[in-house]
Amino acid sequence: MAHIIVDDSENLEKAIKRFKRMVEKEGIIREWKKREYYEKPSTILNRKNKALRRKLMKKTRKPGEHKAF
């Protein structure tokens, strides 16, 4: 859980900016967006498999080779 301590002499905008950076670093917003809607277990599995295939294709691609548009 992200929390910050604000001093009396600290600017409020600066404290908010620091809090936003901390939340982004911990991945809280990303996690919230991921859990915003229910996702079926089969959909999760398909998404993970697709990402794994994409990663393997990228790894096995030759250094000078790239996709033509």
PDB file of N, CA and C in Angstrom:
ATOM      1  N   MET A   1       0.846  -1.178   0.000  1.00  0.00           N
ATOM      2  CA  MET A   1       0.000   0.000   0.000  1.00  0.00           C
ATOM      3  C   MET A   1       0.887   1.236   0.000  1.00  0.00           C
ATOM      4  N   ALA A   2       0.615   2.132  -0.901  1.00  0.00           N
ATOM      5  CA  ALA A   2       1.413   3.338  -1.034  1.00  0.00           C
ATOM      6  C   ALA A   2       0.919   4.403  -0.060  1.00  0.00           C
ATOM      7  N   HIS A   3       1.856   5.007   0.628  1.00  0.00           N
ATOM      8  CA  HIS A   3       1.517   6.138   1.486  1.00  0.00           C
ATOM      9  C   HIS A   3       2.736   7.036   1.608  1.00  0.00           C
ATOM     10  N   ILE A   4       2.495   8.309   1.823  1.00  0.00           N
ATOM     11  CA  ILE A   4       3.583   9.261   1.979  1.00  0.00           C
ATOM     12  C   ILE A   4       3.312  10.112   3.210  1.00  0.00           C
ATOM     13  N   ILE A   5       4.369  10.695   3.742  1.00  0.00           N
ATOM     14  CA  ILE A   5       4.261  11.609   4.877  1.00  0.00           C
ATOM     15  C   ILE A   5       4.526  13.012   4.349  1.00  0.00           C
ATOM     16  N   VAL A   6       3.565  13.904   4.591  1.00  0.00           N
ATOM     17  CA  VAL A   6       3.662  15.269   4.082  1.00  0.00           C
ATOM     18  C   VAL A   6       4.063  16.193   5.235  1.00  0.00           C
ATOM     19  N   ASP A   7       5.149  16.940   5.016  1.00  0.00           N
ATOM     20  CA  ASP A   7       5.583  17.924   6.003  1.00  0.00           C
ATOM     21  C   ASP A   7       4.729  19.177   5.874  1.00  0.00           C
ATOM     22  N   ASP A   8       4.688  19.980   6.939  1.00  0.00           N
ATOM     23  CA  ASP A   8       3.923  21.225   6.901  1.00  0.00           C
ATOM     24  C   ASP A   8       4.503  22.203   5.889  1.00  0.00           C
ATOM     25  N   SER A   9       5.816  22.172   5.719  1.00  0.00           N
ATOM     26  CA  SER A   9       6.460  23.120   4.814  1.00  0.00           C
ATOM     27  C   SER A   9       6.463  22.647   3.357  1.00  0.00           C
ATOM     28  N   GLU A  10       6.042  21.396   3.107  1.00  0.00           N
ATOM     29  CA  GLU A  10       6.083  20.850   1.749  1.00  0.00           C
ATOM     30  C   GLU A  10       4.882  21.319   0.925  1.00  0.00           C
ATOM     31  N   ASN A  11       5.137  21.615  -0.316  1.00  0.00           N
ATOM     32  CA  ASN A  11       4.094  22.035  -1.239  1.00  0.00           C
ATOM     33  C   ASN A  11       3.161  20.853  -1.505  1.00  0.00           C
ATOM     34  N   LEU A  12       1.848  21.102  -1.526  1.00  0.00           N
ATOM     35  CA  LEU A  12       0.869  20.036  -1.713  1.00  0.00           C
ATOM     36  C   LEU A  12       0.990  19.393  -3.091  1.00  0.00           C
ATOM     37  N   GLU A  13       1.216  20.192  -4.138  1.00  0.00           N
ATOM     38  CA  GLU A  13       1.359  19.649  -5.492  1.00  0.00           C
ATOM     39  C   GLU A  13       2.557  18.716  -5.577  1.00  0.00           C
ATOM     40  N   LYS A  14       3.628  19.083  -4.889  1.00  0.00           N
ATOM     41  CA  LYS A  14       4.831  18.249  -4.885  1.00  0.00           C
ATOM     42  C   LYS A  14       4.559  16.912  -4.196  1.00  0.00           C
ATOM     43  N   ALA A  15       3.787  16.941  -3.111  1.00  0.00           N
ATOM     44  CA  ALA A  15       3.447  15.714  -2.385  1.00  0.00           C
ATOM     45  C   ALA A  15       2.555  14.810  -3.241  1.00  0.00           C
ATOM     46  N   ILE A  16       1.617  15.418  -3.960  1.00  0.00           N
ATOM     47  CA  ILE A  16       0.741  14.642  -4.832  1.00  0.00           C
ATOM     48  C   ILE A  16       1.545  13.987  -5.951  1.00  0.00           C
ATOM     49  N   LYS A  17       2.477  14.748  -6.508  1.00  0.00           N
ATOM     50  CA  LYS A  17       3.343  14.220  -7.564  1.00  0.00           C
ATOM     51  C   LYS A  17       4.166  13.043  -7.051  1.00  0.00           C
ATOM     52  N   ARG A  18       4.678  13.160  -5.835  1.00  0.00           N
ATOM     53  CA  ARG A  18       5.465  12.086  -5.221  1.00  0.00           C
ATOM     54  C   ARG A  18       4.598  10.842  -5.005  1.00  0.00           C
ATOM     55  N   PHE A  19       3.349  11.066  -4.557  1.00  0.00           N
ATOM     56  CA  PHE A  19       2.423   9.957  -4.346  1.00  0.00           C
ATOM     57  C   PHE A  19       2.104   9.250  -5.660  1.00  0.00           C
ATOM     58  N   LYS A  20       1.855  10.026  -6.717  1.00  0.00           N
ATOM     59  CA  LYS A  20       1.553   9.432  -8.021  1.00  0.00           C
ATOM     60  C   LYS A  20       2.707   8.590  -8.529  1.00  0.00           C
ATOM     61  N   ARG A  21       3.935   9.074  -8.352  1.00  0.00           N
ATOM     62  CA  ARG A  21       5.112   8.304  -8.767  1.00  0.00           C
ATOM     63  C   ARG A  21       5.201   6.994  -7.997  1.00  0.00           C
ATOM     64  N   MET A  22       4.918   7.044  -6.705  1.00  0.00           N
ATOM     65  CA  MET A  22       4.994   5.847  -5.877  1.00  0.00           C
ATOM     66  C   MET A  22       3.930   4.831  -6.305  1.00  0.00           C
ATOM     67  N   VAL A  23       2.720   5.303  -6.574  1.00  0.00           N
ATOM     68  CA  VAL A  23       1.633   4.418  -7.010  1.00  0.00           C
ATOM     69  C   VAL A  23       1.990   3.776  -8.346  1.00  0.00           C
ATOM     70  N   GLU A  24       2.537   4.563  -9.266  1.00  0.00           N
ATOM     71  CA  GLU A  24       2.934   4.036 -10.580  1.00  0.00           C
ATOM     72  C   GLU A  24       4.045   3.000 -10.434  1.00  0.00           C
ATOM     73  N   LYS A  25       5.006   3.276  -9.561  1.00  0.00           N
ATOM     74  CA  LYS A  25       6.132   2.366  -9.353  1.00  0.00           C
ATOM     75  C   LYS A  25       5.664   1.026  -8.790  1.00  0.00           C
ATOM     76  N   GLU A  26       4.680   1.062  -7.891  1.00  0.00           N
ATOM     77  CA  GLU A  26       4.182  -0.170  -7.286  1.00  0.00           C
ATOM     78  C   GLU A  26       3.205  -0.913  -8.197  1.00  0.00           C
ATOM     79  N   GLY A  27       2.747  -0.272  -9.272  1.00  0.00           N
ATOM     80  CA  GLY A  27       1.860  -0.930 -10.224  1.00  0.00           C
ATOM     81  C   GLY A  27       0.425  -1.054  -9.754  1.00  0.00           C
ATOM     82  N   ILE A  28       0.001  -0.188  -8.859  1.00  0.00           N
ATOM     83  CA  ILE A  28      -1.351  -0.268  -8.300  1.00  0.00           C
ATOM     84  C   ILE A  28      -2.403   0.025  -9.359  1.00  0.00           C
ATOM     85  N   ILE A  29      -2.204   1.061 -10.169  1.00  0.00           N
ATOM     86  CA  ILE A  29      -3.190   1.425 -11.184  1.00  0.00           C
ATOM     87  C   ILE A  29      -3.274   0.345 -12.255  1.00  0.00           C
ATOM     88  N   ARG A  30      -2.137  -0.185 -12.662  1.00  0.00           N
ATOM     89  CA  ARG A  30      -2.125  -1.252 -13.666  1.00  0.00           C
ATOM     90  C   ARG A  30      -2.904  -2.466 -13.163  1.00  0.00           C
ATOM     91  N   GLU A  31      -2.688  -2.810 -11.899  1.00  0.00           N
ATOM     92  CA  GLU A  31      -3.388  -3.946 -11.292  1.00  0.00           C
ATOM     93  C   GLU A  31      -4.887  -3.676 -11.214  1.00  0.00           C
ATOM     94  N   TRP A  32      -5.270  -2.461 -10.866  1.00  0.00           N
ATOM     95  CA  TRP A  32      -6.678  -2.103 -10.765  1.00  0.00           C
ATOM     96  C   TRP A  32      -7.361  -2.206 -12.121  1.00  0.00           C
ATOM     97  N   LYS A  33      -6.701  -1.704 -13.169  1.00  0.00           N
ATOM     98  CA  LYS A  33      -7.280  -1.774 -14.506  1.00  0.00           C
ATOM     99  C   LYS A  33      -7.415  -3.225 -14.969  1.00  0.00           C
ATOM    100  N   LYS A  34      -6.456  -4.061 -14.577  1.00  0.00           N
ATOM    101  CA  LYS A  34      -6.504  -5.465 -14.959  1.00  0.00           C
ATOM    102  C   LYS A  34      -7.677  -6.166 -14.277  1.00  0.00           C
ATOM    103  N   ARG A  35      -7.990  -5.789 -13.062  1.00  0.00           N
ATOM    104  CA  ARG A  35      -9.054  -6.440 -12.296  1.00  0.00           C
ATOM    105  C   ARG A  35     -10.393  -5.712 -12.391  1.00  0.00           C
ATOM    106  N   GLU A  36     -10.471  -4.677 -13.195  1.00  0.00           N
ATOM    107  CA  GLU A  36     -11.695  -3.888 -13.289  1.00  0.00           C
ATOM    108  C   GLU A  36     -12.876  -4.732 -13.778  1.00  0.00           C
ATOM    109  N   TYR A  37     -12.622  -5.622 -14.731  1.00  0.00           N
ATOM    110  CA  TYR A  37     -13.653  -6.485 -15.269  1.00  0.00           C
ATOM    111  C   TYR A  37     -13.246  -7.940 -15.094  1.00  0.00           C
ATOM    112  N   TYR A  38     -14.242  -8.811 -14.951  1.00  0.00           N
ATOM    113  CA  TYR A  38     -13.962 -10.236 -14.811  1.00  0.00           C
ATOM    114  C   TYR A  38     -13.433 -10.778 -16.129  1.00  0.00           C
ATOM    115  N   GLU A  39     -12.420 -11.593 -16.011  1.00  0.00           N
ATOM    116  CA  GLU A  39     -11.841 -12.235 -17.183  1.00  0.00           C
ATOM    117  C   GLU A  39     -11.861 -13.738 -16.953  1.00  0.00           C
ATOM    118  N   LYS A  40     -12.445 -14.465 -17.901  1.00  0.00           N
ATOM    119  CA  LYS A  40     -12.552 -15.908 -17.748  1.00  0.00           C
ATOM    120  C   LYS A  40     -11.159 -16.526 -17.688  1.00  0.00           C
ATOM    121  N   PRO A  41     -10.999 -17.625 -16.936  1.00  0.00           N
ATOM    122  CA  PRO A  41      -9.695 -18.291 -16.852  1.00  0.00           C
ATOM    123  C   PRO A  41      -9.152 -18.709 -18.221  1.00  0.00           C
ATOM    124  N   SER A  42     -10.016 -19.131 -19.127  1.00  0.00           N
ATOM    125  CA  SER A  42      -9.552 -19.533 -20.456  1.00  0.00           C
ATOM    126  C   SER A  42      -9.009 -18.322 -21.216  1.00  0.00           C
ATOM    127  N   THR A  43      -9.603 -17.158 -21.034  1.00  0.00           N
ATOM    128  CA  THR A  43      -9.135 -15.938 -21.688  1.00  0.00           C
ATOM    129  C   THR A  43      -7.767 -15.536 -21.146  1.00  0.00           C
ATOM    130  N   ILE A  44      -7.590 -15.667 -19.847  1.00  0.00           N
ATOM    131  CA  ILE A  44      -6.297 -15.357 -19.226  1.00  0.00           C
ATOM    132  C   ILE A  44      -5.224 -16.274 -19.797  1.00  0.00           C
ATOM    133  N   LEU A  45      -5.541 -17.578 -19.882  1.00  0.00           N
ATOM    134  CA  LEU A  45      -4.595 -18.556 -20.403  1.00  0.00           C
ATOM    135  C   LEU A  45      -4.242 -18.261 -21.861  1.00  0.00           C
ATOM    136  N   ASN A  46      -5.246 -17.912 -22.660  1.00  0.00           N
ATOM    137  CA  ASN A  46      -4.995 -17.587 -24.070  1.00  0.00           C
ATOM    138  C   ASN A  46      -4.099 -16.356 -24.185  1.00  0.00           C
ATOM    139  N   ARG A  47      -4.351 -15.341 -23.373  1.00  0.00           N
ATOM    140  CA  ARG A  47      -3.549 -14.121 -23.421  1.00  0.00           C
ATOM    141  C   ARG A  47      -2.100 -14.403 -23.039  1.00  0.00           C
ATOM    142  N   LYS A  48      -1.898 -15.226 -22.018  1.00  0.00           N
ATOM    143  CA  LYS A  48      -0.543 -15.565 -21.585  1.00  0.00           C
ATOM    144  C   LYS A  48       0.188 -16.389 -22.644  1.00  0.00           C
ATOM    145  N   ASN A  49      -0.515 -17.338 -23.250  1.00  0.00           N
ATOM    146  CA  ASN A  49       0.099 -18.152 -24.306  1.00  0.00           C
ATOM    147  C   ASN A  49       0.478 -17.302 -25.511  1.00  0.00           C
ATOM    148  N   LYS A  50      -0.393 -16.375 -25.870  1.00  0.00           N
ATOM    149  CA  LYS A  50      -0.116 -15.495 -27.006  1.00  0.00           C
ATOM    150  C   LYS A  50       1.116 -14.628 -26.728  1.00  0.00           C
ATOM    151  N   ALA A  51       1.226 -14.125 -25.514  1.00  0.00           N
ATOM    152  CA  ALA A  51       2.395 -13.313 -25.144  1.00  0.00           C
ATOM    153  C   ALA A  51       3.665 -14.157 -25.161  1.00  0.00           C
ATOM    154  N   LEU A  52       3.570 -15.401 -24.710  1.00  0.00           N
ATOM    155  CA  LEU A  52       4.722 -16.296 -24.707  1.00  0.00           C
ATOM    156  C   LEU A  52       5.174 -16.608 -26.135  1.00  0.00           C
ATOM    157  N   ARG A  53       4.201 -16.891 -27.026  1.00  0.00           N
ATOM    158  CA  ARG A  53       4.553 -17.147 -28.425  1.00  0.00           C
ATOM    159  C   ARG A  53       5.224 -15.933 -29.058  1.00  0.00           C
ATOM    160  N   ARG A  54       4.684 -14.749 -28.772  1.00  0.00           N
ATOM    161  CA  ARG A  54       5.255 -13.521 -29.317  1.00  0.00           C
ATOM    162  C   ARG A  54       6.681 -13.323 -28.811  1.00  0.00           C
ATOM    163  N   LYS A  55       6.912 -13.624 -27.547  1.00  0.00           N
ATOM    164  CA  LYS A  55       8.246 -13.489 -26.953  1.00  0.00           C
ATOM    165  C   LYS A  55       9.225 -14.470 -27.591  1.00  0.00           C
ATOM    166  N   LEU A  56       8.781 -15.717 -27.800  1.00  0.00           N
ATOM    167  CA  LEU A  56       9.649 -16.724 -28.412  1.00  0.00           C
ATOM    168  C   LEU A  56       9.977 -16.381 -29.862  1.00  0.00           C
ATOM    169  N   MET A  57       8.994 -15.868 -30.597  1.00  0.00           N
ATOM    170  CA  MET A  57       9.236 -15.467 -31.983  1.00  0.00           C
ATOM    171  C   MET A  57      10.257 -14.341 -32.037  1.00  0.00           C
ATOM    172  N   LYS A  58      10.151 -13.427 -31.119  1.00  0.00           N
ATOM    173  CA  LYS A  58      11.088 -12.305 -31.079  1.00  0.00           C
ATOM    174  C   LYS A  58      12.496 -12.795 -30.756  1.00  0.00           C
ATOM    175  N   LYS A  59      12.588 -13.791 -29.880  1.00  0.00           N
ATOM    176  CA  LYS A  59      13.880 -14.333 -29.476  1.00  0.00           C
ATOM    177  C   LYS A  59      14.551 -15.115 -30.606  1.00  0.00           C
ATOM    178  N   THR A  60      13.748 -15.852 -31.378  1.00  0.00           N
ATOM    179  CA  THR A  60      14.307 -16.708 -32.423  1.00  0.00           C
ATOM    180  C   THR A  60      14.549 -15.967 -33.728  1.00  0.00           C
ATOM    181  N   ARG A  61      14.057 -14.750 -33.849  1.00  0.00           N
ATOM    182  CA  ARG A  61      14.252 -13.968 -35.067  1.00  0.00           C
ATOM    183  C   ARG A  61      15.729 -13.642 -35.252  1.00  0.00           C
ATOM    184  N   LYS A  62      16.193 -13.676 -36.481  1.00  0.00           N
ATOM    185  CA  LYS A  62      17.597 -13.368 -36.775  1.00  0.00           C
ATOM    186  C   LYS A  62      17.852 -11.876 -36.580  1.00  0.00           C
ATOM    187  N   PRO A  63      19.066 -11.489 -36.203  1.00  0.00           N
ATOM    188  CA  PRO A  63      19.352 -10.081 -35.904  1.00  0.00           C
ATOM    189  C   PRO A  63      19.067  -9.112 -37.048  1.00  0.00           C
ATOM    190  N   GLY A  64      19.360  -9.449 -38.296  1.00  0.00           N
ATOM    191  CA  GLY A  64      19.150  -8.542 -39.406  1.00  0.00           C
ATOM    192  C   GLY A  64      17.748  -8.615 -39.985  1.00  0.00           C
ATOM    193  N   GLU A  65      16.959  -9.582 -39.546  1.00  0.00           N
ATOM    194  CA  GLU A  65      15.637  -9.810 -40.099  1.00  0.00           C
ATOM    195  C   GLU A  65      14.597  -8.943 -39.398  1.00  0.00           C
ATOM    196  N   HIS A  66      13.699  -8.356 -40.164  1.00  0.00           N
ATOM    197  CA  HIS A  66      12.581  -7.620 -39.590  1.00  0.00           C
ATOM    198  C   HIS A  66      11.374  -7.728 -40.516  1.00  0.00           C
ATOM    199  N   LYS A  67      10.215  -7.456 -39.967  1.00  0.00           N
ATOM    200  CA  LYS A  67       9.005  -7.567 -40.749  1.00  0.00           C
ATOM    201  C   LYS A  67       8.918  -6.454 -41.768  1.00  0.00           C
ATOM    202  N   ALA A  68       8.452  -6.790 -42.960  1.00  0.00           N
ATOM    203  CA  ALA A  68       8.222  -5.780 -43.990  1.00  0.00           C
ATOM    204  C   ALA A  68       6.788  -5.283 -43.847  1.00  0.00           C
ATOM    205  N   PHE A  69       6.592  -4.005 -43.971  1.00  0.00           N
ATOM    206  CA  PHE A  69       5.255  -3.444 -43.803  1.00  0.00           C
ATOM    207  C   PHE A  69       4.533  -3.342 -45.084  1.00  0.00           C
TER     208      PHE A  69
END
